Amino acid sequence: MTMLEGQHIPWTHVHSSDPEADGEVSMIRWRLAVVMAASLSLAVPAHLASAASSPSTASTVTAAAALTPSAAALPPTISPLTFGSHTFGPERVSASQPIGSMRTAISSWEYVEPRRGAWDWTGVDHDMAKARARGVRELLFVLGRVPAWAAGTNTSSDRNSPVYATPPRDDDDWSTYVSMLAKHVKGIIAANPGTTAAFQVWNEGNLTTFFNGSPERLASLTKRAYTAIKAQLPGAPVVAASTTMRLPRSYTAFYPRYLKALRAQGWPIDAFSVHTYPPGTGGPLDYIGYLRTVKADIAAAGSRKPLWVTEMNYGLRGPGGAYPHVSITGAKAQSWYARVYLDAMRLGVYRVYWYAQLENEPDLGITMWAGTPAMTASRTLYGWLVGHRWYGCSLSGPVVRCRTTKGASRFVIAWSSGAVRTFVVPPGMHRRCDLNRRCVTVKPGTRVRLTGAVTRFAA
């Protein structure tokens, strides 16, 4: 972990001794609020660890422990739940991709209670059954989208904000909706052991496209949702409303106030969430900068709860007309996909939901479907990480080196986030494999070229 990890990104350019962090600073010019990396810890909730984890696995791993674990504080074992996907129906998700958790908005209020007291569980039942048949462990249900009959009055400056983005007229109606949803899901889980659920309070609460109330009002709705869910499913994670990052004014005007209001409510959540789409022409350095910024805001607000990325892709058009849609293909798509998960994990984020599994989506930069380079990378990366112990990453200039183990086997995953660099093959490692699962023999101690392509070294 470098001294810039966990910091806000300043408005003006600042030079660092870390070329990677220096690049991030120059690309994302946000206000400076230094949080010393040594004081941060990487929260690893118990439900994220593999069932095979040792009972002595610590639920919180400091940056130092992530690199030099002791017998008393073993590093986390990567769970399938790390690999999530947003879905528009589980049957539309390619069977080629291994997924531990699916995120769905079929649970939105206007879908399940279109008229007061008229409950429609068709969509929820369908998604849970299809996900279960596909072997998915968990569904993350997104709440929100207020039905017209329950909506209050839009008092925001955005007169074009849709009705479903308006907070409810009566918050008791909201509590009833969340409670009924949790109760229904509880019944399905009871009938199907091994199925689990999580709940996200709202989608992109900082955008009036989805929520036109105040941050304080959203925090109050969050508290009510938390209370209703925990009464039915005490072990189900409750995730805060997500925020986007690509519109700095929207983020800074809303999210710090939401955090402050959540703190006043006693932190009624189990995790925070963020959507980290960079501008259309942006790349991994923007993504890393977003993660560092929101983690620093959460820490500054006084919470150590984990952060989840609940939507992510590259190449999305905007914001505004200056950033066109960019199609990302081939080896670049593979590496950028893999780095979404690896960069998140090295910053202490152990849940990422890819958006989305669609065969032909012209607005997204990286297409994730059977036969695409990104799909091949997803299968390879899943095999490299799930069930492995994660020992964190170290930086040497632009070179990132991450260590994992599985049983007695040791592995190093490495890439360069900048220019091509030479890399010394680690001791005892004789194979170098790429995301296409092509491997070559290498000799420990020799120098090899390292590019932006993610590669793994093994014995």
Protein backbone atom coordinates (compact mmCIF):
# COMPACT_ATOMS: atom_id res chain seq x y z
CA MET A 1 0.00 0.00 0.00
CA THR A 2 1.41 3.39 -0.97
CA MET A 3 1.09 6.61 0.96
CA LEU A 4 -1.58 7.77 -1.49
CA GLU A 5 -3.90 4.85 -0.79
CA GLY A 6 -6.99 5.89 1.06
CA GLN A 7 -6.64 9.54 0.04
CA HIS A 8 -8.93 11.94 -1.69
CA ILE A 9 -7.65 13.05 -5.06
CA PRO A 10 -6.77 16.76 -5.01
CA TRP A 11 -8.06 19.46 -7.33
CA THR A 12 -4.52 20.45 -8.32
CA HIS A 13 -1.81 18.17 -9.58
CA VAL A 14 0.46 16.68 -6.93
CA HIS A 15 3.55 14.64 -7.68
CA SER A 16 4.25 11.47 -5.73
CA SER A 17 7.02 8.93 -5.67
CA ASP A 18 4.58 6.35 -7.05
CA PRO A 19 4.11 6.75 -10.83
CA GLU A 20 0.81 4.89 -10.73
CA ALA A 21 -0.65 7.03 -7.99
CA ASP A 22 0.85 10.11 -9.65
CA GLY A 23 -1.07 9.26 -12.81
CA GLU A 24 -4.30 8.84 -10.86
CA VAL A 25 -3.85 12.18 -9.17
CA SER A 26 -3.38 13.97 -12.47
CA MET A 27 -6.45 12.32 -14.00
CA ILE A 28 -8.96 12.78 -11.18
CA ARG A 29 -8.59 16.23 -9.64
CA TRP A 30 -10.56 16.14 -6.48
CA ARG A 31 -10.10 17.87 -3.15
CA LEU A 32 -7.25 16.82 -0.88
CA ALA A 33 -8.01 15.16 2.44
CA VAL A 34 -5.12 12.94 3.44
CA VAL A 35 -5.84 9.76 5.33
CA MET A 36 -2.65 7.94 6.21
CA ALA A 37 -2.69 4.51 4.64
CA ALA A 38 -1.11 2.91 7.66
CA SER A 39 -4.14 3.83 9.73
CA LEU A 40 -6.60 2.20 7.33
CA SER A 41 -7.67 -1.41 7.56
CA LEU A 42 -9.23 -3.66 4.97
CA ALA A 43 -12.51 -4.94 6.34
CA VAL A 44 -13.33 -8.47 5.26
CA PRO A 45 -16.84 -9.43 6.44
CA ALA A 46 -17.19 -12.99 7.64
CA HIS A 47 -19.78 -13.83 4.98
CA LEU A 48 -17.27 -13.02 2.23
CA ALA A 49 -14.76 -15.62 3.32
CA SER A 50 -14.91 -19.13 1.94
CA ALA A 51 -16.52 -21.78 4.08
CA ALA A 52 -13.17 -23.50 3.98
CA SER A 53 -11.47 -20.59 5.75
CA SER A 54 -9.63 -21.34 8.96
CA PRO A 55 -11.50 -20.42 12.18
CA SER A 56 -8.54 -18.23 13.02
CA THR A 57 -9.02 -16.06 9.92
CA ALA A 58 -9.24 -12.47 11.08
CA SER A 59 -12.28 -10.47 9.95
CA THR A 60 -10.14 -7.37 9.61
CA VAL A 61 -6.74 -7.43 7.97
CA THR A 62 -4.47 -4.40 8.14
CA ALA A 63 -2.39 -3.33 5.21
CA ALA A 64 0.74 -4.70 6.87
CA ALA A 65 -0.91 -8.02 7.69
CA ALA A 66 -2.12 -8.35 4.12
CA LEU A 67 1.51 -8.46 3.01
CA THR A 68 3.08 -10.31 5.93
CA PRO A 69 0.40 -12.47 7.56
CA SER A 70 1.05 -14.32 10.79
CA ALA A 71 -0.41 -17.56 12.03
CA ALA A 72 -2.70 -15.54 14.31
CA ALA A 73 -4.06 -13.39 11.46
CA LEU A 74 -4.37 -15.39 8.26
CA PRO A 75 -5.35 -13.47 5.14
CA PRO A 76 -8.83 -13.85 3.68
CA THR A 77 -9.79 -16.70 1.40
CA ILE A 78 -11.38 -15.39 -1.78
CA SER A 79 -15.06 -16.29 -1.96
CA PRO A 80 -17.12 -16.84 -5.11
CA LEU A 81 -19.20 -13.91 -3.84
CA THR A 82 -16.36 -11.61 -4.85
CA PHE A 83 -17.48 -12.17 -8.45
CA GLY A 84 -20.85 -10.55 -8.97
CA SER A 85 -22.91 -9.57 -11.99
CA HIS A 86 -25.84 -7.26 -12.53
CA THR A 87 -28.59 -9.15 -14.33
CA PHE A 88 -31.69 -8.35 -16.35
CA GLY A 89 -32.86 -11.89 -15.70
CA PRO A 90 -30.61 -14.81 -14.71
CA GLU A 91 -31.45 -16.66 -17.93
CA ARG A 92 -29.86 -13.78 -19.86
CA VAL A 93 -26.53 -14.29 -18.13
CA SER A 94 -24.10 -16.38 -20.14
CA ALA A 95 -23.59 -19.82 -18.64
CA SER A 96 -19.91 -19.45 -19.54
CA GLN A 97 -19.19 -17.02 -16.73
CA PRO A 98 -18.69 -18.19 -13.14
CA ILE A 99 -20.68 -15.94 -10.80
CA GLY A 100 -21.15 -16.05 -7.04
CA SER A 101 -23.77 -13.32 -6.67
CA MET A 102 -26.30 -11.70 -8.98
CA ARG A 103 -27.71 -8.19 -8.58
CA THR A 104 -31.29 -7.63 -9.69
CA ALA A 105 -33.76 -4.74 -9.63
CA ILE A 106 -36.78 -7.03 -10.09
CA SER A 107 -37.41 -6.44 -6.39
CA SER A 108 -38.09 -2.71 -6.90
CA TRP A 109 -41.18 -1.40 -5.11
CA GLU A 110 -43.14 -0.41 -8.23
CA TYR A 111 -42.73 -3.97 -9.55
CA VAL A 112 -43.78 -5.93 -6.45
CA GLU A 113 -46.55 -3.61 -5.17
CA PRO A 114 -47.89 -1.75 -8.23
CA ARG A 115 -51.07 -0.97 -6.27
CA ARG A 116 -51.40 -0.68 -2.52
CA GLY A 117 -51.64 -4.16 -1.03
CA ALA A 118 -51.51 -5.90 -4.43
CA TRP A 119 -48.34 -7.95 -4.18
CA ASP A 120 -46.75 -9.48 -7.25
CA TRP A 121 -43.82 -11.82 -6.51
CA THR A 122 -43.60 -13.28 -10.01
CA GLY A 123 -40.35 -11.56 -10.90
CA VAL A 124 -38.66 -12.23 -7.57
CA ASP A 125 -39.65 -15.90 -7.65
CA HIS A 126 -38.46 -16.23 -11.24
CA ASP A 127 -35.05 -14.67 -10.58
CA MET A 128 -34.44 -16.70 -7.45
CA ALA A 129 -35.39 -19.97 -9.17
CA LYS A 130 -33.28 -19.28 -12.26
CA ALA A 131 -30.29 -18.15 -10.22
CA ARG A 132 -30.55 -21.23 -8.02
CA ALA A 133 -30.70 -23.50 -11.06
CA ARG A 134 -27.58 -21.83 -12.39
CA GLY A 135 -25.74 -22.48 -9.12
CA VAL A 136 -25.57 -18.86 -7.98
CA ARG A 137 -25.25 -18.61 -4.21
CA GLU A 138 -26.83 -15.22 -3.61
CA LEU A 139 -29.08 -12.56 -5.08
CA LEU A 140 -28.53 -8.90 -4.25
CA PHE A 141 -31.98 -7.29 -4.37
CA VAL A 142 -32.11 -3.58 -5.21
CA LEU A 143 -34.83 -1.61 -3.43
CA GLY A 144 -36.39 1.70 -4.46
CA ARG A 145 -38.41 2.90 -7.48
CA VAL A 146 -41.47 4.20 -5.64
CA PRO A 147 -44.84 3.28 -7.23
CA ALA A 148 -47.02 6.21 -8.30
CA TRP A 149 -49.62 5.51 -5.63
CA ALA A 150 -47.02 5.84 -2.86
CA ALA A 151 -44.91 8.71 -4.20
CA GLY A 152 -44.83 12.06 -2.46
CA THR A 153 -44.09 15.43 -4.05
CA ASN A 154 -40.93 16.18 -5.98
CA THR A 155 -39.40 19.17 -4.21
CA SER A 156 -36.05 19.03 -6.02
CA SER A 157 -34.86 21.50 -8.66
CA ASP A 158 -35.06 18.72 -11.27
CA ARG A 159 -38.63 18.97 -12.47
CA ASN A 160 -38.00 16.18 -14.98
CA SER A 161 -37.09 13.66 -12.32
CA PRO A 162 -39.37 10.60 -12.71
CA VAL A 163 -42.15 9.81 -10.25
CA TYR A 164 -40.43 6.65 -9.06
CA ALA A 165 -37.46 8.76 -7.88
CA THR A 166 -39.66 10.69 -5.45
CA PRO A 167 -39.53 9.64 -1.76
CA PRO A 168 -42.72 8.03 -0.45
CA ARG A 169 -45.54 10.13 0.92
CA ASP A 170 -45.73 7.88 3.99
CA ASP A 171 -42.55 6.15 5.16
CA ASP A 172 -44.64 3.45 6.84
CA ASP A 173 -45.59 2.29 3.32
CA TRP A 174 -41.87 1.95 2.57
CA SER A 175 -41.31 -0.11 5.72
CA THR A 176 -44.22 -2.38 4.80
CA TYR A 177 -42.82 -2.94 1.30
CA VAL A 178 -39.34 -3.82 2.55
CA SER A 179 -40.69 -6.06 5.31
CA MET A 180 -42.96 -7.97 2.91
CA LEU A 181 -40.12 -8.44 0.44
CA ALA A 182 -37.76 -9.71 3.13
CA LYS A 183 -40.46 -12.03 4.49
CA HIS A 184 -41.13 -13.46 1.04
CA VAL A 185 -37.44 -14.00 0.33
CA LYS A 186 -37.06 -15.59 3.76
CA GLY A 187 -39.65 -18.20 2.82
CA ILE A 188 -37.83 -19.06 -0.41
CA ILE A 189 -34.52 -19.37 1.42
CA ALA A 190 -36.09 -21.62 4.06
CA ALA A 191 -37.39 -23.93 1.32
CA ASN A 192 -34.08 -23.94 -0.54
CA PRO A 193 -31.10 -24.35 1.82
CA GLY A 194 -27.90 -22.86 0.43
CA THR A 195 -29.66 -19.88 -1.14
CA THR A 196 -28.88 -16.47 0.40
CA ALA A 197 -29.89 -12.87 -0.19
CA ALA A 198 -28.57 -9.35 0.31
CA PHE A 199 -30.42 -6.05 -0.09
CA GLN A 200 -29.29 -2.71 -1.53
CA VAL A 201 -31.37 0.19 -0.27
CA TRP A 202 -31.40 2.33 -3.43
CA ASN A 203 -29.75 2.63 -6.82
CA GLU A 204 -27.55 5.70 -7.46
CA GLY A 205 -29.08 7.88 -4.78
CA ASN A 206 -26.97 10.88 -5.79
CA LEU A 207 -28.70 11.16 -9.19
CA THR A 208 -32.16 12.74 -9.47
CA THR A 209 -32.85 10.19 -12.21
CA PHE A 210 -33.27 7.71 -9.35
CA PHE A 211 -33.78 9.77 -6.16
CA ASN A 212 -34.86 13.39 -5.86
CA GLY A 213 -35.02 13.65 -2.09
CA SER A 214 -32.37 14.82 0.36
CA PRO A 215 -29.43 12.74 1.63
CA GLU A 216 -30.97 12.89 5.10
CA ARG A 217 -34.24 11.49 3.82
CA LEU A 218 -32.43 8.64 2.10
CA ALA A 219 -30.57 7.87 5.34
CA SER A 220 -33.91 7.69 7.16
CA LEU A 221 -35.26 5.29 4.52
CA THR A 222 -32.04 3.29 4.86
CA LYS A 223 -32.59 2.93 8.60
CA ARG A 224 -36.17 1.79 8.08
CA ALA A 225 -35.08 -0.75 5.47
CA TYR A 226 -32.34 -2.08 7.75
CA THR A 227 -34.80 -2.55 10.61
CA ALA A 228 -37.36 -4.31 8.43
CA ILE A 229 -34.83 -6.65 6.79
CA LYS A 230 -33.04 -7.63 9.98
CA ALA A 231 -36.37 -8.49 11.63
CA GLN A 232 -36.89 -11.15 8.94
CA LEU A 233 -33.34 -12.09 7.89
CA PRO A 234 -30.84 -11.11 10.59
CA GLY A 235 -27.88 -12.47 8.62
CA ALA A 236 -28.69 -10.81 5.29
CA PRO A 237 -26.29 -7.99 4.37
CA VAL A 238 -27.94 -4.60 4.00
CA VAL A 239 -26.03 -2.39 1.57
CA ALA A 240 -26.28 1.40 1.56
CA ALA A 241 -27.64 3.28 -1.43
CA SER A 242 -25.08 3.35 -4.21
CA THR A 243 -23.43 6.51 -5.47
CA THR A 244 -21.89 7.26 -8.85
CA MET A 245 -18.48 8.92 -9.17
CA ARG A 246 -18.22 10.15 -12.76
CA LEU A 247 -20.15 13.38 -11.98
CA PRO A 248 -17.99 15.03 -9.27
CA ARG A 249 -20.49 17.78 -8.38
CA SER A 250 -23.30 15.32 -7.89
CA TYR A 251 -21.11 13.09 -5.75
CA THR A 252 -19.67 15.83 -3.53
CA ALA A 253 -23.05 17.51 -3.05
CA PHE A 254 -24.77 14.32 -1.98
CA TYR A 255 -22.58 11.53 -0.69
CA PRO A 256 -20.72 13.16 2.22
CA ARG A 257 -24.08 14.37 3.55
CA TYR A 258 -25.52 10.88 3.17
CA LEU A 259 -22.59 9.47 5.14
CA LYS A 260 -23.05 12.06 7.88
CA ALA A 261 -26.76 11.24 8.07
CA LEU A 262 -26.05 7.50 8.20
CA ARG A 263 -23.67 8.10 11.08
CA ALA A 264 -26.42 10.04 12.90
CA GLN A 265 -28.70 7.02 12.36
CA GLY A 266 -26.11 4.69 13.95
CA TRP A 267 -24.73 3.26 10.67
CA PRO A 268 -27.75 1.06 9.80
CA ILE A 269 -25.91 -0.82 7.04
CA ASP A 270 -23.47 -3.69 6.62
CA ALA A 271 -21.64 -2.28 3.60
CA PHE A 272 -21.37 0.81 1.40
CA SER A 273 -21.66 0.71 -2.38
CA VAL A 274 -20.34 2.69 -5.33
CA HIS A 275 -20.68 2.68 -9.12
CA THR A 276 -17.30 3.39 -10.62
CA TYR A 277 -17.87 3.94 -14.36
CA PRO A 278 -15.11 6.29 -15.54
CA PRO A 279 -15.75 8.83 -18.30
CA GLY A 280 -16.08 7.23 -21.74
CA THR A 281 -12.40 7.65 -22.50
CA GLY A 282 -11.25 6.80 -18.97
CA GLY A 283 -9.37 3.75 -17.78
CA PRO A 284 -8.10 1.81 -14.76
CA LEU A 285 -6.36 4.80 -13.17
CA ASP A 286 -9.69 6.66 -12.99
CA TYR A 287 -11.29 3.59 -11.43
CA ILE A 288 -8.58 3.29 -8.78
CA GLY A 289 -8.87 6.98 -8.00
CA TYR A 290 -12.63 6.66 -7.50
CA LEU A 291 -12.16 3.78 -5.07
CA ARG A 292 -9.56 5.66 -3.07
CA THR A 293 -11.75 8.75 -2.88
CA VAL A 294 -14.91 7.05 -1.67
CA LYS A 295 -12.98 4.88 0.81
CA ALA A 296 -11.38 8.03 2.21
CA ASP A 297 -14.78 9.71 2.54
CA ILE A 298 -16.14 6.68 4.39
CA ALA A 299 -13.14 6.62 6.72
CA ALA A 300 -13.38 10.37 7.32
CA ALA A 301 -17.05 9.92 8.24
CA GLY A 302 -15.99 7.48 10.94
CA SER A 303 -16.90 4.08 9.53
CA ARG A 304 -14.78 1.00 8.87
CA LYS A 305 -17.53 -0.98 7.17
CA PRO A 306 -16.63 -2.56 3.81
CA LEU A 307 -17.23 -1.08 0.38
CA TRP A 308 -18.82 -2.95 -2.51
CA VAL A 309 -18.68 -2.01 -6.19
CA THR A 310 -22.18 -2.81 -7.41
CA GLU A 311 -21.82 -1.62 -11.03
CA MET A 312 -18.71 -1.31 -13.20
CA ASN A 313 -17.73 -1.26 -16.87
CA TYR A 314 -15.62 0.92 -19.13
CA GLY A 315 -16.29 2.95 -22.26
CA LEU A 316 -19.71 4.27 -21.23
CA ARG A 317 -20.52 7.46 -23.14
CA GLY A 318 -20.35 10.71 -21.14
CA PRO A 319 -20.56 12.57 -18.96
CA GLY A 320 -21.60 15.30 -21.37
CA GLY A 321 -20.60 15.41 -25.00
CA ALA A 322 -16.83 15.48 -24.47
CA TYR A 323 -16.50 11.76 -23.75
CA PRO A 324 -17.63 9.42 -26.54
CA HIS A 325 -18.46 5.77 -26.18
CA VAL A 326 -15.33 3.64 -26.52
CA SER A 327 -15.36 -0.03 -27.53
CA ILE A 328 -12.68 -2.03 -25.70
CA THR A 329 -11.75 -5.39 -27.17
CA GLY A 330 -9.09 -8.07 -27.32
CA ALA A 331 -6.23 -8.24 -24.83
CA LYS A 332 -7.05 -4.78 -23.49
CA ALA A 333 -10.57 -5.88 -22.57
CA GLN A 334 -9.16 -8.93 -20.82
CA SER A 335 -6.63 -7.00 -18.79
CA TRP A 336 -8.98 -4.16 -17.88
CA TYR A 337 -11.64 -6.64 -16.79
CA ALA A 338 -9.18 -8.55 -14.59
CA ARG A 339 -7.81 -5.36 -13.10
CA VAL A 340 -11.30 -4.29 -12.00
CA TYR A 341 -11.25 -7.16 -9.51
CA LEU A 342 -7.54 -7.16 -8.69
CA ASP A 343 -7.33 -3.40 -8.15
CA ALA A 344 -10.46 -3.52 -5.99
CA MET A 345 -9.05 -6.30 -3.84
CA ARG A 346 -5.70 -4.62 -3.36
CA LEU A 347 -7.62 -1.61 -2.03
CA GLY A 348 -9.67 -3.76 0.34
CA VAL A 349 -12.84 -4.09 -1.76
CA TYR A 350 -13.98 -7.71 -1.91
CA ARG A 351 -17.25 -7.44 -3.86
CA VAL A 352 -17.54 -6.31 -7.49
CA TYR A 353 -20.64 -6.63 -9.70
CA TRP A 354 -19.91 -6.40 -13.41
CA TYR A 355 -22.45 -4.47 -15.49
CA ALA A 356 -23.71 -6.35 -17.31
CA GLN A 357 -24.05 -9.72 -19.00
CA LEU A 358 -25.50 -8.75 -22.37
CA GLU A 359 -24.76 -10.26 -25.76
CA ASN A 360 -24.99 -6.99 -27.66
CA GLU A 361 -24.99 -3.78 -25.63
CA PRO A 362 -23.75 -0.83 -27.70
CA ASP A 363 -23.43 1.55 -24.74
CA LEU A 364 -20.90 -0.55 -22.80
CA GLY A 365 -17.19 -0.64 -23.59
CA ILE A 366 -16.49 -4.26 -22.68
CA THR A 367 -18.91 -6.91 -23.87
CA MET A 368 -19.21 -9.87 -21.53
CA TRP A 369 -20.65 -12.84 -23.40
CA ALA A 370 -19.68 -16.35 -24.41
CA GLY A 371 -16.69 -16.35 -26.72
CA THR A 372 -15.59 -12.77 -26.00
CA PRO A 373 -12.06 -12.10 -24.71
CA ALA A 374 -13.46 -10.66 -21.49
CA MET A 375 -15.45 -13.85 -20.84
CA THR A 376 -12.30 -15.93 -21.23
CA ALA A 377 -10.55 -13.62 -18.78
CA SER A 378 -13.40 -13.91 -16.29
CA ARG A 379 -13.17 -17.69 -16.22
CA THR A 380 -9.39 -17.62 -15.87
CA LEU A 381 -9.38 -14.99 -13.11
CA TYR A 382 -12.07 -16.84 -11.17
CA GLY A 383 -9.88 -19.94 -11.23
CA TRP A 384 -6.83 -17.94 -10.17
CA LEU A 385 -8.53 -16.39 -7.15
CA VAL A 386 -11.53 -18.27 -5.73
CA GLY A 387 -10.46 -20.57 -2.92
CA HIS A 388 -7.03 -18.91 -2.71
CA ARG A 389 -5.70 -16.95 0.24
CA TRP A 390 -5.07 -13.32 -0.65
CA TYR A 391 -1.83 -11.79 0.63
CA GLY A 392 -2.31 -8.37 -0.94
CA CYS A 393 -0.20 -6.47 -3.44
CA SER A 394 2.96 -4.41 -3.53
CA LEU A 395 3.98 -1.66 -5.94
CA SER A 396 7.34 -0.97 -7.53
CA GLY A 397 6.90 2.00 -9.83
CA PRO A 398 4.08 1.03 -12.20
CA VAL A 399 4.53 -2.70 -11.53
CA VAL A 400 1.84 -4.30 -9.36
CA ARG A 401 2.61 -7.66 -7.76
CA CYS A 402 -0.09 -9.60 -5.88
CA ARG A 403 0.44 -12.83 -3.95
CA THR A 404 -1.93 -15.75 -3.37
CA THR A 405 -1.63 -19.28 -2.05
CA LYS A 406 -3.73 -22.41 -2.27
CA GLY A 407 -2.60 -25.18 0.00
CA ALA A 408 1.16 -25.43 -0.37
CA SER A 409 1.17 -23.74 -3.79
CA ARG A 410 2.29 -20.13 -4.16
CA PHE A 411 1.38 -17.71 -6.96
CA VAL A 412 2.23 -14.19 -8.05
CA ILE A 413 -0.11 -12.14 -10.28
CA ALA A 414 1.60 -9.15 -11.88
CA TRP A 415 1.20 -6.41 -14.49
CA SER A 416 2.48 -2.95 -15.32
CA SER A 417 0.02 -0.07 -15.01
CA GLY A 418 2.29 2.12 -17.13
CA ALA A 419 5.18 1.58 -19.50
CA VAL A 420 6.69 -1.83 -20.23
CA ARG A 421 8.96 -2.92 -17.41
CA THR A 422 11.30 -5.80 -16.69
CA PHE A 423 10.25 -8.15 -13.93
CA VAL A 424 12.32 -10.71 -12.05
CA VAL A 425 10.65 -14.13 -12.01
CA PRO A 426 9.99 -14.96 -8.33
CA PRO A 427 11.96 -17.75 -6.64
CA GLY A 428 10.57 -21.24 -7.17
CA MET A 429 8.27 -20.23 -10.01
CA HIS A 430 8.70 -21.89 -13.40
CA ARG A 431 5.48 -21.10 -15.30
CA ARG A 432 4.05 -17.89 -16.64
CA CYS A 433 0.39 -17.96 -17.74
CA ASP A 434 -1.85 -15.35 -19.37
CA LEU A 435 -5.59 -14.77 -19.18
CA ASN A 436 -6.11 -17.05 -22.18
CA ARG A 437 -4.58 -19.87 -20.08
CA ARG A 438 -1.54 -20.06 -22.32
CA CYS A 439 1.54 -20.92 -20.29
CA VAL A 440 5.27 -20.82 -20.99
CA THR A 441 8.24 -22.07 -19.00
CA VAL A 442 10.35 -19.44 -17.23
CA LYS A 443 13.42 -19.60 -15.03
CA PRO A 444 13.37 -18.17 -11.49
CA GLY A 445 15.56 -15.10 -11.13
CA THR A 446 15.55 -14.21 -14.83
CA ARG A 447 14.12 -10.95 -16.18
CA VAL A 448 10.98 -10.92 -18.32
CA ARG A 449 8.99 -8.13 -19.97
CA LEU A 450 5.88 -7.03 -18.10
CA THR A 451 3.16 -5.05 -19.88
CA GLY A 452 -0.41 -4.09 -19.04
CA ALA A 453 -1.47 -7.69 -19.66
CA VAL A 454 -2.24 -9.42 -16.35
CA THR A 455 -0.10 -12.53 -15.95
CA ARG A 456 0.41 -15.20 -13.29
CA PHE A 457 3.59 -16.94 -12.20
CA ALA A 458 3.40 -20.38 -10.59
CA ALA A 459 5.65 -23.24 -9.57
